[in-house]
PDB file of all heavy atoms in Angstrom:
ATOM      1  N   VAL A   1     -98.826  26.455 101.582  1.00  0.00           N
ATOM      2  CA  VAL A   1     -98.375  27.846 101.594  1.00  0.00           C
ATOM      3  C   VAL A   1     -98.965  28.536 100.366  1.00  0.00           C
ATOM      4  O   VAL A   1     -98.930  27.986  99.261  1.00  0.00           O
ATOM      5  CB  VAL A   1     -96.834  27.955 101.557  1.00  0.00           C
ATOM      6  CG1 VAL A   1     -96.405  29.426 101.559  1.00  0.00           C
ATOM      7  CG2 VAL A   1     -96.203  27.221 102.730  1.00  0.00           C
ATOM      8  N   LEU A   2     -99.507  29.726 100.568  1.00  0.00           N
ATOM      9  CA  LEU A   2    -100.024  30.517  99.458  1.00  0.00           C
ATOM     10  C   LEU A   2     -99.423  31.913  99.538  1.00  0.00           C
ATOM     11  O   LEU A   2     -99.458  32.548 100.591  1.00  0.00           O
ATOM     12  CB  LEU A   2    -101.552  30.619  99.510  1.00  0.00           C
ATOM     13  CG  LEU A   2    -102.217  31.572  98.507  1.00  0.00           C
ATOM     14  CD1 LEU A   2    -101.976  31.100  97.073  1.00  0.00           C
ATOM     15  CD2 LEU A   2    -103.703  31.703  98.787  1.00  0.00           C
ATOM     16  N   VAL A   3     -98.857  32.379  98.426  1.00  0.00           N
ATOM     17  CA  VAL A   3     -98.291  33.729  98.342  1.00  0.00           C
ATOM     18  C   VAL A   3     -98.941  34.438  97.164  1.00  0.00           C
ATOM     19  O   VAL A   3     -98.956  33.914  96.051  1.00  0.00           O
ATOM     20  CB  VAL A   3     -96.756  33.693  98.153  1.00  0.00           C
ATOM     21  CG1 VAL A   3     -96.213  35.113  98.027  1.00  0.00           C
ATOM     22  CG2 VAL A   3     -96.091  32.951  99.299  1.00  0.00           C
ATOM     23  N   LYS A   4     -99.478  35.634  97.427  1.00  0.00           N
ATOM     24  CA  LYS A   4    -100.078  36.439  96.365  1.00  0.00           C
ATOM     25  C   LYS A   4     -99.239  37.695  96.146  1.00  0.00           C
ATOM     26  O   LYS A   4     -98.923  38.402  97.104  1.00  0.00           O
ATOM     27  CB  LYS A   4    -101.514  36.828  96.720  1.00  0.00           C
ATOM     28  CG  LYS A   4    -102.523  35.699  96.608  1.00  0.00           C
ATOM     29  CD  LYS A   4    -103.919  36.192  96.942  1.00  0.00           C
ATOM     30  CE  LYS A   4    -104.970  35.128  96.687  1.00  0.00           C
ATOM     31  NZ  LYS A   4    -105.173  34.869  95.246  1.00  0.00           N
ATOM     32  N   ASP A   5     -98.896  37.940  94.898  1.00  0.00           N
ATOM     33  CA  ASP A   5     -98.180  39.148  94.507  1.00  0.00           C
ATOM     34  C   ASP A   5     -99.121  39.975  93.643  1.00  0.00           C
ATOM     35  O   ASP A   5     -99.402  39.626  92.493  1.00  0.00           O
ATOM     36  CB  ASP A   5     -96.913  38.786  93.717  1.00  0.00           C
ATOM     37  CG  ASP A   5     -96.053  40.000  93.381  1.00  0.00           C
ATOM     38  OD1 ASP A   5     -96.618  41.101  93.253  1.00  0.00           O
ATOM     39  OD2 ASP A   5     -94.829  39.845  93.230  1.00  0.00           O
ATOM     40  N   PHE A   6     -99.632  41.067  94.201  1.00  0.00           N
ATOM     41  CA  PHE A   6    -100.642  41.849  93.494  1.00  0.00           C
ATOM     42  C   PHE A   6    -100.035  42.765  92.434  1.00  0.00           C
ATOM     43  O   PHE A   6    -100.732  43.242  91.547  1.00  0.00           O
ATOM     44  CB  PHE A   6    -101.485  42.652  94.484  1.00  0.00           C
ATOM     45  CG  PHE A   6    -102.327  41.773  95.373  1.00  0.00           C
ATOM     46  CD1 PHE A   6    -101.951  41.526  96.681  1.00  0.00           C
ATOM     47  CD2 PHE A   6    -103.461  41.162  94.881  1.00  0.00           C
ATOM     48  CE1 PHE A   6    -102.712  40.703  97.496  1.00  0.00           C
ATOM     49  CE2 PHE A   6    -104.229  40.329  95.686  1.00  0.00           C
ATOM     50  CZ  PHE A   6    -103.855  40.099  96.998  1.00  0.00           C
ATOM     51  N   ASP A   7     -98.725  43.025  92.530  1.00  0.00           N
ATOM     52  CA  ASP A   7     -98.058  43.788  91.474  1.00  0.00           C
ATOM     53  C   ASP A   7     -98.060  43.010  90.159  1.00  0.00           C
ATOM     54  O   ASP A   7     -98.377  43.536  89.094  1.00  0.00           O
ATOM     55  CB  ASP A   7     -96.614  44.106  91.878  1.00  0.00           C
ATOM     56  CG  ASP A   7     -96.522  45.375  92.703  1.00  0.00           C
ATOM     57  OD1 ASP A   7     -97.421  46.219  92.572  1.00  0.00           O
ATOM     58  OD2 ASP A   7     -95.573  45.515  93.477  1.00  0.00           O
ATOM     59  N   ASP A   8     -97.665  41.731  90.256  1.00  0.00           N
ATOM     60  CA  ASP A   8     -97.555  40.886  89.061  1.00  0.00           C
ATOM     61  C   ASP A   8     -98.800  40.038  88.818  1.00  0.00           C
ATOM     62  O   ASP A   8     -98.811  39.219  87.892  1.00  0.00           O
ATOM     63  CB  ASP A   8     -96.338  39.962  89.192  1.00  0.00           C
ATOM     64  CG  ASP A   8     -95.032  40.725  89.189  1.00  0.00           C
ATOM     65  OD1 ASP A   8     -95.023  41.847  88.658  1.00  0.00           O
ATOM     66  OD2 ASP A   8     -94.031  40.210  89.727  1.00  0.00           O
ATOM     67  N   LEU A   9     -99.829  40.209  89.659  1.00  0.00           N
ATOM     68  CA  LEU A   9    -101.043  39.392  89.556  1.00  0.00           C
ATOM     69  C   LEU A   9    -100.685  37.904  89.558  1.00  0.00           C
ATOM     70  O   LEU A   9    -101.169  37.114  88.736  1.00  0.00           O
ATOM     71  CB  LEU A   9    -101.832  39.748  88.289  1.00  0.00           C
ATOM     72  CG  LEU A   9    -102.317  41.203  88.174  1.00  0.00           C
ATOM     73  CD1 LEU A   9    -103.013  41.423  86.847  1.00  0.00           C
ATOM     74  CD2 LEU A   9    -103.226  41.567  89.329  1.00  0.00           C
ATOM     75  N   GLN A  10     -99.855  37.534  90.509  1.00  0.00           N
ATOM     76  CA  GLN A  10     -99.307  36.175  90.534  1.00  0.00           C
ATOM     77  C   GLN A  10     -99.653  35.465  91.837  1.00  0.00           C
ATOM     78  O   GLN A  10     -99.600  36.056  92.916  1.00  0.00           O
ATOM     79  CB  GLN A  10     -97.789  36.232  90.375  1.00  0.00           C
ATOM     80  CG  GLN A  10     -97.105  34.868  90.338  1.00  0.00           C
ATOM     81  CD  GLN A  10     -95.599  35.019  90.362  1.00  0.00           C
ATOM     82  OE1 GLN A  10     -94.997  35.270  91.398  1.00  0.00           O
ATOM     83  NE2 GLN A  10     -94.982  34.887  89.192  1.00  0.00           N
ATOM     84  N   ASP A  11    -100.009  34.194  91.723  1.00  0.00           N
ATOM     85  CA  ASP A  11    -100.234  33.321  92.875  1.00  0.00           C
ATOM     86  C   ASP A  11     -99.185  32.211  92.856  1.00  0.00           C
ATOM     87  O   ASP A  11     -98.962  31.569  91.824  1.00  0.00           O
ATOM     88  CB  ASP A  11    -101.616  32.676  92.827  1.00  0.00           C
ATOM     89  CG  ASP A  11    -102.731  33.659  93.139  1.00  0.00           C
ATOM     90  OD1 ASP A  11    -102.422  34.836  93.398  1.00  0.00           O
ATOM     91  OD2 ASP A  11    -103.904  33.238  93.119  1.00  0.00           O
ATOM     92  N   VAL A  12     -98.565  31.992  94.003  1.00  0.00           N
ATOM     93  CA  VAL A  12     -97.631  30.880  94.173  1.00  0.00           C
ATOM     94  C   VAL A  12     -98.174  29.999  95.292  1.00  0.00           C
ATOM     95  O   VAL A  12     -98.428  30.486  96.403  1.00  0.00           O
ATOM     96  CB  VAL A  12     -96.215  31.365  94.534  1.00  0.00           C
ATOM     97  CG1 VAL A  12     -95.286  30.169  94.774  1.00  0.00           C
ATOM     98  CG2 VAL A  12     -95.660  32.264  93.441  1.00  0.00           C
ATOM     99  N   SER A  13     -98.379  28.734  95.005  1.00  0.00           N
ATOM    100  CA  SER A  13     -98.874  27.813  96.033  1.00  0.00           C
ATOM    101  C   SER A  13     -97.940  26.613  96.160  1.00  0.00           C
ATOM    102  O   SER A  13     -97.403  26.115  95.163  1.00  0.00           O
ATOM    103  CB  SER A  13    -100.291  27.343  95.709  1.00  0.00           C
ATOM    104  OG  SER A  13    -100.323  26.620  94.499  1.00  0.00           O
ATOM    105  N   VAL A  14     -97.755  26.170  97.393  1.00  0.00           N
ATOM    106  CA  VAL A  14     -96.917  25.013  97.704  1.00  0.00           C
ATOM    107  C   VAL A  14     -97.728  24.079  98.593  1.00  0.00           C
ATOM    108  O   VAL A  14     -98.366  24.533  99.553  1.00  0.00           O
ATOM    109  CB  VAL A  14     -95.622  25.426  98.431  1.00  0.00           C
ATOM    110  CG1 VAL A  14     -94.702  24.215  98.609  1.00  0.00           C
ATOM    111  CG2 VAL A  14     -94.897  26.540  97.684  1.00  0.00           C
ATOM    112  N   LYS A  15     -97.717  22.790  98.279  1.00  0.00           N
ATOM    113  CA  LYS A  15     -98.453  21.813  99.072  1.00  0.00           C
ATOM    114  C   LYS A  15     -97.534  20.661  99.456  1.00  0.00           C
ATOM    115  O   LYS A  15     -96.712  20.214  98.641  1.00  0.00           O
ATOM    116  CB  LYS A  15     -99.652  21.257  98.291  1.00  0.00           C
ATOM    117  CG  LYS A  15    -100.712  22.311  97.952  1.00  0.00           C
ATOM    118  CD  LYS A  15    -101.872  21.685  97.187  1.00  0.00           C
ATOM    119  CE  LYS A  15    -102.917  22.741  96.817  1.00  0.00           C
ATOM    120  NZ  LYS A  15    -103.580  23.287  98.011  1.00  0.00           N
ATOM    121  N   TYR A  16     -97.694  20.182 100.688  1.00  0.00           N
ATOM    122  CA  TYR A  16     -96.927  19.044 101.193  1.00  0.00           C
ATOM    123  C   TYR A  16     -97.904  17.959 101.637  1.00  0.00           C
ATOM    124  O   TYR A  16     -98.836  18.225 102.401  1.00  0.00           O
ATOM    125  CB  TYR A  16     -96.066  19.453 102.386  1.00  0.00           C
ATOM    126  CG  TYR A  16     -95.102  20.583 102.100  1.00  0.00           C
ATOM    127  CD1 TYR A  16     -95.446  21.906 102.396  1.00  0.00           C
ATOM    128  CD2 TYR A  16     -93.846  20.342 101.555  1.00  0.00           C
ATOM    129  CE1 TYR A  16     -94.570  22.946 102.148  1.00  0.00           C
ATOM    130  CE2 TYR A  16     -92.960  21.382 101.306  1.00  0.00           C
ATOM    131  CZ  TYR A  16     -93.331  22.688 101.606  1.00  0.00           C
ATOM    132  OH  TYR A  16     -92.467  23.718 101.356  1.00  0.00           O
ATOM    133  N   ARG A  17     -97.677  16.733 101.175  1.00  0.00           N
ATOM    134  CA  ARG A  17     -98.566  15.637 101.523  1.00  0.00           C
ATOM    135  C   ARG A  17     -97.759  14.350 101.792  1.00  0.00           C
ATOM    136  O   ARG A  17     -96.592  14.257 101.481  1.00  0.00           O
ATOM    137  CB  ARG A  17     -99.567  15.388 100.387  1.00  0.00           C
ATOM    138  CG  ARG A  17    -100.524  16.534 100.107  1.00  0.00           C
ATOM    139  CD  ARG A  17    -101.472  16.797 101.258  1.00  0.00           C
ATOM    140  NE  ARG A  17    -102.454  17.816 100.936  1.00  0.00           N
ATOM    141  CZ  ARG A  17    -102.278  19.122 101.184  1.00  0.00           C
ATOM    142  NH1 ARG A  17    -101.147  19.546 101.736  1.00  0.00           N
ATOM    143  NH2 ARG A  17    -103.229  19.987 100.873  1.00  0.00           N
ATOM    144  N   ASP A  18     -98.470  13.360 102.330  1.00  0.00           N
ATOM    145  CA  ASP A  18     -97.921  12.016 102.585  1.00  0.00           C
ATOM    146  C   ASP A  18     -96.679  12.080 103.469  1.00  0.00           C
ATOM    147  O   ASP A  18     -95.583  11.648 103.084  1.00  0.00           O
ATOM    148  CB  ASP A  18     -97.593  11.297 101.274  1.00  0.00           C
ATOM    149  CG  ASP A  18     -98.822  11.036 100.422  1.00  0.00           C
ATOM    150  OD1 ASP A  18     -99.941  11.233 100.929  1.00  0.00           O
ATOM    151  OD2 ASP A  18     -98.671  10.659  99.249  1.00  0.00           O
ATOM    152  N   PHE A  19     -96.855  12.605 104.674  1.00  0.00           N
ATOM    153  CA  PHE A  19     -95.739  12.683 105.617  1.00  0.00           C
ATOM    154  C   PHE A  19     -95.356  11.291 106.101  1.00  0.00           C
ATOM    155  O   PHE A  19     -96.214  10.455 106.396  1.00  0.00           O
ATOM    156  CB  PHE A  19     -96.118  13.564 106.809  1.00  0.00           C
ATOM    157  CG  PHE A  19     -96.108  15.028 106.498  1.00  0.00           C
ATOM    158  CD1 PHE A  19     -97.193  15.625 105.869  1.00  0.00           C
ATOM    159  CD2 PHE A  19     -95.024  15.822 106.834  1.00  0.00           C
ATOM    160  CE1 PHE A  19     -97.188  16.983 105.569  1.00  0.00           C
ATOM    161  CE2 PHE A  19     -95.012  17.180 106.539  1.00  0.00           C
ATOM    162  CZ  PHE A  19     -96.097  17.756 105.914  1.00  0.00           C
ATOM    163  N   LYS A  20     -94.057  11.072 106.172  1.00  0.00           N
ATOM    164  CA  LYS A  20     -93.518   9.771 106.535  1.00  0.00           C
ATOM    165  C   LYS A  20     -92.323   9.969 107.453  1.00  0.00           C
ATOM    166  O   LYS A  20     -91.685  11.015 107.442  1.00  0.00           O
ATOM    167  CB  LYS A  20     -93.090   9.008 105.264  1.00  0.00           C
ATOM    168  CG  LYS A  20     -92.577   7.610 105.479  1.00  0.00           C
ATOM    169  CD  LYS A  20     -92.190   6.968 104.146  1.00  0.00           C
ATOM    170  CE  LYS A  20     -91.606   5.584 104.350  1.00  0.00           C
ATOM    171  NZ  LYS A  20     -91.221   4.963 103.055  1.00  0.00           N
ATOM    172  N   MET A  21     -92.029   8.946 108.275  1.00  0.00           N
ATOM    173  CA  MET A  21     -90.889   9.029 109.174  1.00  0.00           C
ATOM    174  C   MET A  21     -89.615   8.602 108.459  1.00  0.00           C
ATOM    175  O   MET A  21     -89.525   7.511 107.917  1.00  0.00           O
ATOM    176  CB  MET A  21     -91.109   8.137 110.396  1.00  0.00           C
ATOM    177  CG  MET A  21     -90.066   8.313 111.479  1.00  0.00           C
ATOM    178  SD  MET A  21     -90.219   9.895 112.336  1.00  0.00           S
ATOM    179  CE  MET A  21     -91.601   9.561 113.440  1.00  0.00           C
ATOM    180  N   TYR A  22     -88.645   9.513 108.427  1.00  0.00           N
ATOM    181  CA  TYR A  22     -87.314   9.208 107.894  1.00  0.00           C
ATOM    182  C   TYR A  22     -86.299   9.491 109.004  1.00  0.00           C
ATOM    183  O   TYR A  22     -86.122  10.642 109.405  1.00  0.00           O
ATOM    184  CB  TYR A  22     -86.982  10.101 106.692  1.00  0.00           C
ATOM    185  CG  TYR A  22     -87.837   9.897 105.473  1.00  0.00           C
ATOM    186  CD1 TYR A  22     -88.956  10.694 105.253  1.00  0.00           C
ATOM    187  CD2 TYR A  22     -87.525   8.931 104.520  1.00  0.00           C
ATOM    188  CE1 TYR A  22     -89.741  10.532 104.119  1.00  0.00           C
ATOM    189  CE2 TYR A  22     -88.302   8.765 103.388  1.00  0.00           C
ATOM    190  CZ  TYR A  22     -89.414   9.562 103.194  1.00  0.00           C
ATOM    191  OH  TYR A  22     -90.180   9.407 102.072  1.00  0.00           O
ATOM    192  N   GLU A  23     -85.665   8.444 109.497  1.00  0.00           N
ATOM    193  CA  GLU A  23     -84.638   8.611 110.534  1.00  0.00           C
ATOM    194  C   GLU A  23     -85.145   9.500 111.674  1.00  0.00           C
ATOM    195  O   GLU A  23     -84.549  10.502 112.019  1.00  0.00           O
ATOM    196  CB  GLU A  23     -83.359   9.204 109.937  1.00  0.00           C
ATOM    197  CG  GLU A  23     -82.725   8.351 108.867  1.00  0.00           C
ATOM    198  CD  GLU A  23     -81.472   8.999 108.301  1.00  0.00           C
ATOM    199  OE1 GLU A  23     -81.026  10.028 108.832  1.00  0.00           O
ATOM    200  OE2 GLU A  23     -80.931   8.451 107.317  1.00  0.00           O
ATOM    201  N   ASP A  24     -86.267   9.149 112.238  1.00  0.00           N
ATOM    202  CA  ASP A  24     -86.940   9.817 113.360  1.00  0.00           C
ATOM    203  C   ASP A  24     -87.370  11.259 113.054  1.00  0.00           C
ATOM    204  O   ASP A  24     -87.636  12.048 113.951  1.00  0.00           O
ATOM    205  CB  ASP A  24     -86.115   9.760 114.655  1.00  0.00           C
ATOM    206  CG  ASP A  24     -84.902  10.688 114.711  1.00  0.00           C
ATOM    207  OD1 ASP A  24     -84.736  11.562 113.849  1.00  0.00           O
ATOM    208  OD2 ASP A  24     -84.109  10.514 115.647  1.00  0.00           O
ATOM    209  N   ARG A  25     -87.459  11.618 111.779  1.00  0.00           N
ATOM    210  CA  ARG A  25     -87.942  12.935 111.372  1.00  0.00           C
ATOM    211  C   ARG A  25     -89.129  12.768 110.427  1.00  0.00           C
ATOM    212  O   ARG A  25     -89.046  12.019 109.467  1.00  0.00           O
ATOM    213  CB  ARG A  25     -86.832  13.743 110.677  1.00  0.00           C
ATOM    214  CG  ARG A  25     -85.609  14.041 111.556  1.00  0.00           C
ATOM    215  CD  ARG A  25     -84.512  14.569 110.661  1.00  0.00           C
ATOM    216  NE  ARG A  25     -83.339  15.020 111.366  1.00  0.00           N
ATOM    217  CZ  ARG A  25     -82.273  14.249 111.641  1.00  0.00           C
ATOM    218  NH1 ARG A  25     -82.286  12.978 111.285  1.00  0.00           N
ATOM    219  NH2 ARG A  25     -81.230  14.754 112.273  1.00  0.00           N
ATOM    220  N   LYS A  26     -90.206  13.487 110.699  1.00  0.00           N
ATOM    221  CA  LYS A  26     -91.372  13.453 109.812  1.00  0.00           C
ATOM    222  C   LYS A  26     -91.116  14.390 108.638  1.00  0.00           C
ATOM    223  O   LYS A  26     -90.831  15.567 108.817  1.00  0.00           O
ATOM    224  CB  LYS A  26     -92.630  13.873 110.561  1.00  0.00           C
ATOM    225  CG  LYS A  26     -93.054  12.935 111.679  1.00  0.00           C
ATOM    226  CD  LYS A  26     -94.382  13.387 112.271  1.00  0.00           C
ATOM    227  CE  LYS A  26     -94.793  12.521 113.442  1.00  0.00           C
ATOM    228  NZ  LYS A  26     -94.016  12.827 114.663  1.00  0.00           N
ATOM    229  N   PHE A  27     -91.255  13.838 107.435  1.00  0.00           N
ATOM    230  CA  PHE A  27     -90.954  14.612 106.232  1.00  0.00           C
ATOM    231  C   PHE A  27     -91.938  14.214 105.137  1.00  0.00           C
ATOM    232  O   PHE A  27     -92.289  13.046 105.001  1.00  0.00           O
ATOM    233  CB  PHE A  27     -89.517  14.334 105.772  1.00  0.00           C
ATOM    234  CG  PHE A  27     -88.980  15.354 104.805  1.00  0.00           C
ATOM    235  CD1 PHE A  27     -88.500  16.574 105.267  1.00  0.00           C
ATOM    236  CD2 PHE A  27     -88.955  15.103 103.443  1.00  0.00           C
ATOM    237  CE1 PHE A  27     -88.009  17.523 104.385  1.00  0.00           C
ATOM    238  CE2 PHE A  27     -88.460  16.047 102.555  1.00  0.00           C
ATOM    239  CZ  PHE A  27     -87.991  17.269 103.040  1.00  0.00           C
ATOM    240  N   PRO A  28     -92.405  15.176 104.322  1.00  0.00           N
ATOM    241  CA  PRO A  28     -93.388  14.836 103.281  1.00  0.00           C
ATOM    242  C   PRO A  28     -92.759  14.051 102.133  1.00  0.00           C
ATOM    243  O   PRO A  28     -91.662  14.370 101.682  1.00  0.00           O
ATOM    244  CB  PRO A  28     -93.883  16.204 102.810  1.00  0.00           C
ATOM    245  CG  PRO A  28     -92.744  17.135 103.084  1.00  0.00           C
ATOM    246  CD  PRO A  28     -92.113  16.631 104.342  1.00  0.00           C
ATOM    247  N   GLN A  29     -93.495  13.062 101.665  1.00  0.00           N
ATOM    248  CA  GLN A  29     -93.060  12.335 100.474  1.00  0.00           C
ATOM    249  C   GLN A  29     -93.388  13.110  99.203  1.00  0.00           C
ATOM    250  O   GLN A  29     -92.742  12.915  98.177  1.00  0.00           O
ATOM    251  CB  GLN A  29     -93.745  10.968 100.412  1.00  0.00           C
ATOM    252  CG  GLN A  29     -93.176   9.917 101.338  1.00  0.00           C
ATOM    253  CD  GLN A  29     -93.879   8.588 101.140  1.00  0.00           C
ATOM    254  OE1 GLN A  29     -95.052   8.424 101.464  1.00  0.00           O
ATOM    255  NE2 GLN A  29     -93.171   7.628 100.574  1.00  0.00           N
ATOM    256  N   ARG A  30     -94.399  13.962  99.286  1.00  0.00           N
ATOM    257  CA  ARG A  30     -94.853  14.660  98.086  1.00  0.00           C
ATOM    258  C   ARG A  30     -94.845  16.174  98.284  1.00  0.00           C
ATOM    259  O   ARG A  30     -95.325  16.685  99.296  1.00  0.00           O
ATOM    260  CB  ARG A  30     -96.262  14.205  97.693  1.00  0.00           C
ATOM    261  CG  ARG A  30     -96.308  12.734  97.305  1.00  0.00           C
ATOM    262  CD  ARG A  30     -97.673  12.326  96.777  1.00  0.00           C
ATOM    263  NE  ARG A  30     -97.708  10.915  96.450  1.00  0.00           N
ATOM    264  CZ  ARG A  30     -97.303  10.391  95.299  1.00  0.00           C
ATOM    265  NH1 ARG A  30     -96.845  11.181  94.340  1.00  0.00           N
ATOM    266  NH2 ARG A  30     -97.370   9.087  95.076  1.00  0.00           N
ATOM    267  N   LEU A  31     -94.287  16.851  97.310  1.00  0.00           N
ATOM    268  CA  LEU A  31     -94.253  18.315  97.263  1.00  0.00           C
ATOM    269  C   LEU A  31     -94.804  18.745  95.913  1.00  0.00           C
ATOM    270  O   LEU A  31     -94.354  18.265  94.870  1.00  0.00           O
ATOM    271  CB  LEU A  31     -92.814  18.809  97.440  1.00  0.00           C
ATOM    272  CG  LEU A  31     -92.472  20.225  96.959  1.00  0.00           C
ATOM    273  CD1 LEU A  31     -93.226  21.273  97.752  1.00  0.00           C
ATOM    274  CD2 LEU A  31     -90.967  20.475  97.056  1.00  0.00           C
ATOM    275  N   SER A  32     -95.783  19.626  95.927  1.00  0.00           N
ATOM    276  CA  SER A  32     -96.287  20.186  94.674  1.00  0.00           C
ATOM    277  C   SER A  32     -96.182  21.699  94.723  1.00  0.00           C
ATOM    278  O   SER A  32     -96.362  22.315  95.774  1.00  0.00           O
ATOM    279  CB  SER A  32     -97.732  19.760  94.411  1.00  0.00           C
ATOM    280  OG  SER A  32     -98.589  20.218  95.439  1.00  0.00           O
ATOM    281  N   PHE A  33     -95.903  22.273  93.575  1.00  0.00           N
ATOM    282  CA  PHE A  33     -95.594  23.691  93.483  1.00  0.00           C
ATOM    283  C   PHE A  33     -96.276  24.232  92.228  1.00  0.00           C
ATOM    284  O   PHE A  33     -96.224  23.617  91.176  1.00  0.00           O
ATOM    285  CB  PHE A  33     -94.076  23.855  93.396  1.00  0.00           C
ATOM    286  CG  PHE A  33     -93.603  25.265  93.233  1.00  0.00           C
ATOM    287  CD1 PHE A  33     -93.403  26.072  94.332  1.00  0.00           C
ATOM    288  CD2 PHE A  33     -93.360  25.792  91.975  1.00  0.00           C
ATOM    289  CE1 PHE A  33     -92.959  27.370  94.190  1.00  0.00           C
ATOM    290  CE2 PHE A  33     -92.929  27.093  91.821  1.00  0.00           C
ATOM    291  CZ  PHE A  33     -92.731  27.888  92.931  1.00  0.00           C
ATOM    292  N   GLU A  34     -96.948  25.385  92.367  1.00  0.00           N
ATOM    293  CA  GLU A  34     -97.654  25.961  91.221  1.00  0.00           C
ATOM    294  C   GLU A  34     -97.511  27.476  91.209  1.00  0.00           C
ATOM    295  O   GLU A  34     -97.607  28.122  92.252  1.00  0.00           O
ATOM    296  CB  GLU A  34     -99.130  25.589  91.267  1.00  0.00           C
ATOM    297  CG  GLU A  34     -99.922  26.023  90.040  1.00  0.00           C
ATOM    298  CD  GLU A  34    -101.355  25.534  90.062  1.00  0.00           C
ATOM    299  OE1 GLU A  34    -102.169  26.159  90.764  1.00  0.00           O
ATOM    300  OE2 GLU A  34    -101.640  24.505  89.402  1.00  0.00           O
ATOM    301  N   VAL A  35     -97.253  28.022  90.034  1.00  0.00           N
ATOM    302  CA  VAL A  35     -97.168  29.471  89.829  1.00  0.00           C
ATOM    303  C   VAL A  35     -98.168  29.845  88.740  1.00  0.00           C
ATOM    304  O   VAL A  35     -98.112  29.301  87.636  1.00  0.00           O
ATOM    305  CB  VAL A  35     -95.747  29.911  89.411  1.00  0.00           C
ATOM    306  CG1 VAL A  35     -95.703  31.422  89.220  1.00  0.00           C
ATOM    307  CG2 VAL A  35     -94.716  29.481  90.446  1.00  0.00           C
ATOM    308  N   VAL A  36     -99.067  30.757  89.049  1.00  0.00           N
ATOM    309  CA  VAL A  36    -100.090  31.180  88.107  1.00  0.00           C
ATOM    310  C   VAL A  36    -100.045  32.697  87.975  1.00  0.00           C
ATOM    311  O   VAL A  36    -100.080  33.423  88.972  1.00  0.00           O
ATOM    312  CB  VAL A  36    -101.502  30.753  88.570  1.00  0.00           C
ATOM    313  CG1 VAL A  36    -102.541  31.190  87.539  1.00  0.00           C
ATOM    314  CG2 VAL A  36    -101.571  29.254  88.789  1.00  0.00           C
ATOM    315  N   ASP A  37     -99.939  33.177  86.744  1.00  0.00           N
ATOM    316  CA  ASP A  37    -100.035  34.611  86.467  1.00  0.00           C
ATOM    317  C   ASP A  37    -100.770  34.774  85.137  1.00  0.00           C
ATOM    318  O   ASP A  37    -101.117  33.777  84.492  1.00  0.00           O
ATOM    319  CB  ASP A  37     -98.651  35.278  86.465  1.00  0.00           C
ATOM    320  CG  ASP A  37     -97.717  34.741  85.389  1.00  0.00           C
ATOM    321  OD1 ASP A  37     -98.183  34.533  84.248  1.00  0.00           O
ATOM    322  OD2 ASP A  37     -96.524  34.538  85.667  1.00  0.00           O
ATOM    323  N   PRO A  38    -101.058  35.997  84.703  1.00  0.00           N
ATOM    324  CA  PRO A  38    -101.853  36.171  83.477  1.00  0.00           C
ATOM    325  C   PRO A  38    -101.234  35.555  82.220  1.00  0.00           C
ATOM    326  O   PRO A  38    -101.951  35.260  81.260  1.00  0.00           O
ATOM    327  CB  PRO A  38    -101.955  37.692  83.345  1.00  0.00           C
ATOM    328  CG  PRO A  38    -101.823  38.207  84.733  1.00  0.00           C
ATOM    329  CD  PRO A  38    -100.847  37.290  85.393  1.00  0.00           C
ATOM    330  N   LYS A  39     -99.918  35.364  82.201  1.00  0.00           N
ATOM    331  CA  LYS A  39     -99.260  34.876  80.987  1.00  0.00           C
ATOM    332  C   LYS A  39     -98.845  33.409  81.063  1.00  0.00           C
ATOM    333  O   LYS A  39     -98.698  32.752  80.033  1.00  0.00           O
ATOM    334  CB  LYS A  39     -98.027  35.722  80.686  1.00  0.00           C
ATOM    335  CG  LYS A  39     -98.343  37.174  80.335  1.00  0.00           C
ATOM    336  CD  LYS A  39     -97.064  37.928  80.007  1.00  0.00           C
ATOM    337  CE  LYS A  39     -97.362  39.369  79.617  1.00  0.00           C
ATOM    338  NZ  LYS A  39     -96.123  40.130  79.294  1.00  0.00           N
ATOM    339  N   HIS A  40     -98.614  32.884  82.283  1.00  0.00           N
ATOM    340  CA  HIS A  40     -98.020  31.551  82.388  1.00  0.00           C
ATOM    341  C   HIS A  40     -98.706  30.719  83.469  1.00  0.00           C
ATOM    342  O   HIS A  40     -99.281  31.247  84.415  1.00  0.00           O
ATOM    343  CB  HIS A  40     -96.526  31.651  82.719  1.00  0.00           C
ATOM    344  CG  HIS A  40     -95.732  32.430  81.722  1.00  0.00           C
ATOM    345  ND1 HIS A  40     -95.425  31.941  80.469  1.00  0.00           N
ATOM    346  CD2 HIS A  40     -95.189  33.672  81.790  1.00  0.00           C
ATOM    347  CE1 HIS A  40     -94.726  32.843  79.812  1.00  0.00           C
ATOM    348  NE2 HIS A  40     -94.575  33.903  80.577  1.00  0.00           N
ATOM    349  N   LEU A  41     -98.584  29.408  83.293  1.00  0.00           N
ATOM    350  CA  LEU A  41     -98.974  28.447  84.313  1.00  0.00           C
ATOM    351  C   LEU A  41     -97.854  27.426  84.431  1.00  0.00           C
ATOM    352  O   LEU A  41     -97.546  26.717  83.479  1.00  0.00           O
ATOM    353  CB  LEU A  41    -100.290  27.744  83.947  1.00  0.00           C
ATOM    354  CG  LEU A  41    -100.675  26.546  84.834  1.00  0.00           C
ATOM    355  CD1 LEU A  41    -100.814  26.974  86.289  1.00  0.00           C
ATOM    356  CD2 LEU A  41    -101.965  25.901  84.338  1.00  0.00           C
ATOM    357  N   LEU A  42     -97.220  27.417  85.589  1.00  0.00           N
ATOM    358  CA  LEU A  42     -96.116  26.495  85.845  1.00  0.00           C
ATOM    359  C   LEU A  42     -96.488  25.627  87.036  1.00  0.00           C
ATOM    360  O   LEU A  42     -96.943  26.143  88.057  1.00  0.00           O
ATOM    361  CB  LEU A  42     -94.844  27.289  86.137  1.00  0.00           C
ATOM    362  CG  LEU A  42     -93.544  26.549  86.468  1.00  0.00           C
ATOM    363  CD1 LEU A  42     -92.342  27.428  86.122  1.00  0.00           C
ATOM    364  CD2 LEU A  42     -93.452  26.150  87.945  1.00  0.00           C
TER     365      LEU A  42
END
């Protein structure tokens, strides 16, 4: 998922990887999240 906010010059990205079966439901083992703007990197 990628979200761009042009007011704040901010990018928010979410990534899901390594999907695995948990109790007959496919769910990612790994979630990564990043927020980038002119002042901060989270």
